[in-house]
N, C-alpha and C. Protein backbone atom coordinates (compact mmCIF):
# COMPACT_ATOMS: atom_id res chain seq x y z
N MET A 1 -87.37 -159.37 23.63
CA MET A 1 -87.00 -158.64 22.29
C MET A 1 -88.17 -158.69 21.28
N ARG A 2 -88.36 -157.80 20.83
CA ARG A 2 -89.64 -157.73 19.79
C ARG A 2 -88.88 -157.88 18.48
N SER A 3 -89.40 -158.52 17.55
CA SER A 3 -89.05 -158.35 16.20
C SER A 3 -89.97 -158.02 15.30
N GLN A 4 -89.59 -156.96 14.17
CA GLN A 4 -90.48 -156.25 13.48
C GLN A 4 -90.76 -157.04 12.25
N SER A 5 -91.73 -156.72 11.77
CA SER A 5 -92.59 -157.45 10.19
C SER A 5 -91.38 -156.82 9.42
N PRO A 6 -91.42 -157.34 8.11
CA PRO A 6 -90.81 -157.17 6.95
C PRO A 6 -91.38 -155.62 6.27
N GLN A 7 -92.53 -155.42 6.73
CA GLN A 7 -93.32 -154.31 6.17
C GLN A 7 -93.22 -152.86 6.85
N GLY A 8 -92.57 -153.62 8.21
CA GLY A 8 -92.33 -152.29 9.16
C GLY A 8 -90.91 -151.98 8.66
N ASN A 9 -89.84 -152.77 8.19
CA ASN A 9 -88.71 -152.48 7.87
C ASN A 9 -88.70 -151.41 6.68
N ILE A 10 -89.56 -152.19 5.55
CA ILE A 10 -89.82 -151.79 4.22
C ILE A 10 -90.28 -149.95 4.56
N GLN A 11 -91.38 -149.99 5.21
CA GLN A 11 -91.32 -148.80 5.42
C GLN A 11 -90.51 -147.61 5.96
N THR A 12 -89.61 -148.08 7.15
CA THR A 12 -88.81 -147.28 7.73
C THR A 12 -87.56 -146.90 6.94
N VAL A 13 -87.59 -147.59 5.71
CA VAL A 13 -86.32 -147.42 4.85
C VAL A 13 -86.68 -146.42 3.82
N ILE A 14 -88.23 -146.63 3.16
CA ILE A 14 -89.04 -145.79 2.46
C ILE A 14 -88.70 -144.29 3.09
N GLY A 15 -89.16 -144.12 4.39
CA GLY A 15 -89.07 -142.79 5.02
C GLY A 15 -87.77 -142.47 4.92
N GLY A 16 -86.62 -143.17 5.27
CA GLY A 16 -85.22 -142.33 5.00
C GLY A 16 -85.34 -142.26 4.10
N ILE A 17 -85.71 -142.71 2.55
CA ILE A 17 -85.39 -142.46 1.66
C ILE A 17 -85.83 -140.65 1.40
N ILE A 18 -86.98 -140.83 1.81
CA ILE A 18 -88.02 -139.66 1.50
C ILE A 18 -87.47 -138.31 2.26
N ALA A 19 -86.85 -138.81 3.43
CA ALA A 19 -86.26 -137.66 4.21
C ALA A 19 -84.72 -137.13 3.88
N ALA A 20 -84.02 -138.05 3.09
CA ALA A 20 -82.78 -137.56 2.61
C ALA A 20 -83.22 -136.92 1.14
N ALA A 21 -84.03 -137.27 0.57
CA ALA A 21 -84.42 -136.32 -0.64
C ALA A 21 -84.76 -135.00 -0.10
N ILE A 22 -85.63 -134.83 0.95
CA ILE A 22 -86.18 -133.38 1.14
C ILE A 22 -85.08 -132.53 1.64
N ILE A 23 -84.01 -133.28 2.31
CA ILE A 23 -82.94 -132.30 3.07
C ILE A 23 -82.01 -131.98 1.51
N LEU A 24 -82.06 -132.97 0.55
CA LEU A 24 -80.79 -132.62 -0.38
C LEU A 24 -81.50 -131.64 -1.18
N ILE A 25 -82.93 -131.61 -1.56
CA ILE A 25 -83.70 -130.55 -2.28
C ILE A 25 -83.68 -128.97 -1.29
N ALA A 26 -83.67 -129.15 -0.27
CA ALA A 26 -83.44 -128.00 0.58
C ALA A 26 -82.39 -127.29 0.54
N SER A 27 -81.32 -128.33 0.96
CA SER A 27 -79.73 -127.71 0.76
C SER A 27 -79.54 -126.98 -0.61
N ASN A 28 -80.18 -127.35 -1.68
CA ASN A 28 -80.07 -126.86 -3.16
C ASN A 28 -80.93 -125.89 -3.44
N SER A 29 -81.37 -124.97 -2.36
CA SER A 29 -82.25 -124.17 -2.75
C SER A 29 -82.06 -122.64 -2.36
N PHE A 30 -80.46 -122.39 -1.84
CA PHE A 30 -80.23 -121.53 -1.33
C PHE A 30 -78.91 -121.15 -1.97
N VAL A 31 -78.20 -119.83 -2.63
CA VAL A 31 -77.28 -119.55 -3.09
C VAL A 31 -76.44 -118.15 -2.27
N ILE A 32 -75.29 -118.62 -1.81
CA ILE A 32 -74.65 -117.42 -1.36
C ILE A 32 -73.61 -116.51 -2.01
N ILE A 33 -73.43 -115.34 -2.34
CA ILE A 33 -73.05 -114.52 -3.02
C ILE A 33 -71.66 -113.94 -2.08
N ASN A 34 -70.58 -114.27 -2.18
CA ASN A 34 -69.61 -113.45 -1.31
C ASN A 34 -69.36 -112.28 -1.78
N PRO A 35 -69.00 -111.73 -0.49
CA PRO A 35 -68.68 -109.82 -0.60
C PRO A 35 -67.99 -109.40 -1.95
N GLY A 36 -68.15 -108.39 -2.67
CA GLY A 36 -67.24 -108.40 -3.99
C GLY A 36 -67.73 -108.90 -5.06
N GLN A 37 -68.69 -109.87 -4.96
CA GLN A 37 -68.89 -110.66 -6.18
C GLN A 37 -70.48 -110.30 -6.47
N ALA A 38 -71.16 -110.47 -7.64
CA ALA A 38 -71.99 -110.44 -8.00
C ALA A 38 -72.79 -111.58 -8.73
N GLY A 39 -73.73 -111.86 -9.03
CA GLY A 39 -74.27 -113.24 -9.61
C GLY A 39 -75.27 -112.91 -10.77
N VAL A 40 -75.17 -113.61 -11.81
CA VAL A 40 -75.87 -113.32 -13.22
C VAL A 40 -76.54 -114.48 -13.31
N ILE A 41 -78.21 -114.25 -13.54
CA ILE A 41 -78.99 -115.71 -13.43
C ILE A 41 -78.82 -115.77 -15.21
N SER A 42 -78.72 -116.94 -15.51
CA SER A 42 -79.36 -117.35 -16.89
C SER A 42 -80.01 -118.45 -16.96
N ILE A 43 -81.28 -118.33 -17.63
CA ILE A 43 -82.31 -119.52 -17.70
C ILE A 43 -82.05 -120.01 -19.49
N LEU A 44 -81.53 -121.16 -19.58
CA LEU A 44 -81.61 -121.94 -20.52
C LEU A 44 -80.45 -120.97 -21.43
N GLY A 45 -79.61 -120.52 -21.04
CA GLY A 45 -78.36 -119.94 -21.63
C GLY A 45 -78.84 -118.82 -21.99
N LYS A 46 -79.69 -117.91 -21.88
CA LYS A 46 -80.00 -116.61 -21.82
C LYS A 46 -79.81 -115.84 -20.52
N ALA A 47 -79.13 -115.03 -20.19
CA ALA A 47 -78.93 -114.06 -19.26
C ALA A 47 -80.16 -113.03 -18.71
N ARG A 48 -80.45 -113.43 -17.49
CA ARG A 48 -81.56 -112.51 -17.45
C ARG A 48 -81.36 -111.24 -16.67
N ASP A 49 -82.06 -109.99 -16.84
CA ASP A 49 -81.76 -108.65 -16.51
C ASP A 49 -81.46 -108.49 -15.17
N GLY A 50 -80.76 -107.88 -14.56
CA GLY A 50 -80.12 -107.63 -13.39
C GLY A 50 -79.17 -108.13 -12.51
N ALA A 51 -78.74 -108.41 -11.54
CA ALA A 51 -77.81 -109.09 -10.90
C ALA A 51 -78.10 -109.32 -9.36
N LEU A 52 -77.77 -110.64 -8.90
CA LEU A 52 -77.86 -110.67 -7.46
C LEU A 52 -76.85 -109.88 -6.64
N LEU A 53 -76.83 -109.37 -5.71
CA LEU A 53 -75.70 -108.92 -5.30
C LEU A 53 -75.26 -109.78 -4.02
N GLU A 54 -74.56 -109.25 -3.30
CA GLU A 54 -73.88 -110.24 -2.34
C GLU A 54 -74.81 -110.65 -1.19
N GLY A 55 -74.67 -111.84 -0.87
CA GLY A 55 -75.93 -112.31 0.75
C GLY A 55 -76.18 -113.73 -0.11
N LEU A 56 -77.08 -114.00 1.06
CA LEU A 56 -78.19 -115.31 0.82
C LEU A 56 -79.04 -114.96 -0.14
N HIS A 57 -79.60 -115.52 -1.06
CA HIS A 57 -80.44 -115.91 -2.32
C HIS A 57 -81.37 -117.01 -2.39
N PHE A 58 -82.56 -117.10 -2.43
CA PHE A 58 -83.38 -118.34 -2.55
C PHE A 58 -83.34 -118.59 -4.25
N LYS A 59 -83.25 -119.54 -4.69
CA LYS A 59 -83.80 -120.14 -5.86
C LYS A 59 -84.48 -121.23 -5.93
N PRO A 60 -85.16 -121.77 -7.04
CA PRO A 60 -85.81 -122.68 -7.03
C PRO A 60 -85.15 -123.74 -7.30
N PRO A 61 -85.42 -125.10 -6.46
CA PRO A 61 -84.87 -126.58 -6.60
C PRO A 61 -85.52 -126.79 -7.84
N LEU A 62 -84.41 -128.00 -8.36
CA LEU A 62 -84.65 -128.59 -9.50
C LEU A 62 -85.08 -127.87 -10.51
N SER A 63 -85.06 -126.39 -10.96
CA SER A 63 -85.18 -125.87 -11.99
C SER A 63 -84.08 -125.62 -13.11
N LEU A 64 -84.41 -125.10 -14.20
CA LEU A 64 -83.41 -125.01 -15.34
C LEU A 64 -82.59 -123.91 -15.60
N TRP A 65 -82.42 -123.19 -14.25
CA TRP A 65 -81.48 -122.01 -14.42
C TRP A 65 -80.23 -122.15 -13.21
N TRP A 66 -79.34 -121.76 -13.70
CA TRP A 66 -77.90 -121.38 -13.16
C TRP A 66 -77.39 -119.89 -13.04
N MET A 67 -76.67 -119.75 -11.98
CA MET A 67 -76.41 -118.47 -11.70
C MET A 67 -74.55 -118.61 -11.80
N SER A 68 -74.46 -117.59 -12.43
CA SER A 68 -72.75 -117.38 -12.86
C SER A 68 -72.01 -116.37 -11.58
N MET A 69 -71.14 -116.39 -11.04
CA MET A 69 -70.67 -115.11 -9.99
C MET A 69 -69.29 -114.72 -10.74
N MET A 70 -69.15 -113.41 -10.56
CA MET A 70 -68.45 -112.46 -11.28
C MET A 70 -67.67 -111.85 -10.35
């Protein structure tokens, strides 16, 4: 049985944290608009022109915009 060095364990933990962060950011990069609904994008409280129609849409992760469904 081989024992790992403490440095190897730390690298494994850091790698797991980075992988979890990437998965979390990637899962928040898409929004689904259901049939019969439309999405309105607001950036810092101001509505942007146009609407998102039903379907799958990409949104910038970690940004300051929100989408409301109507």
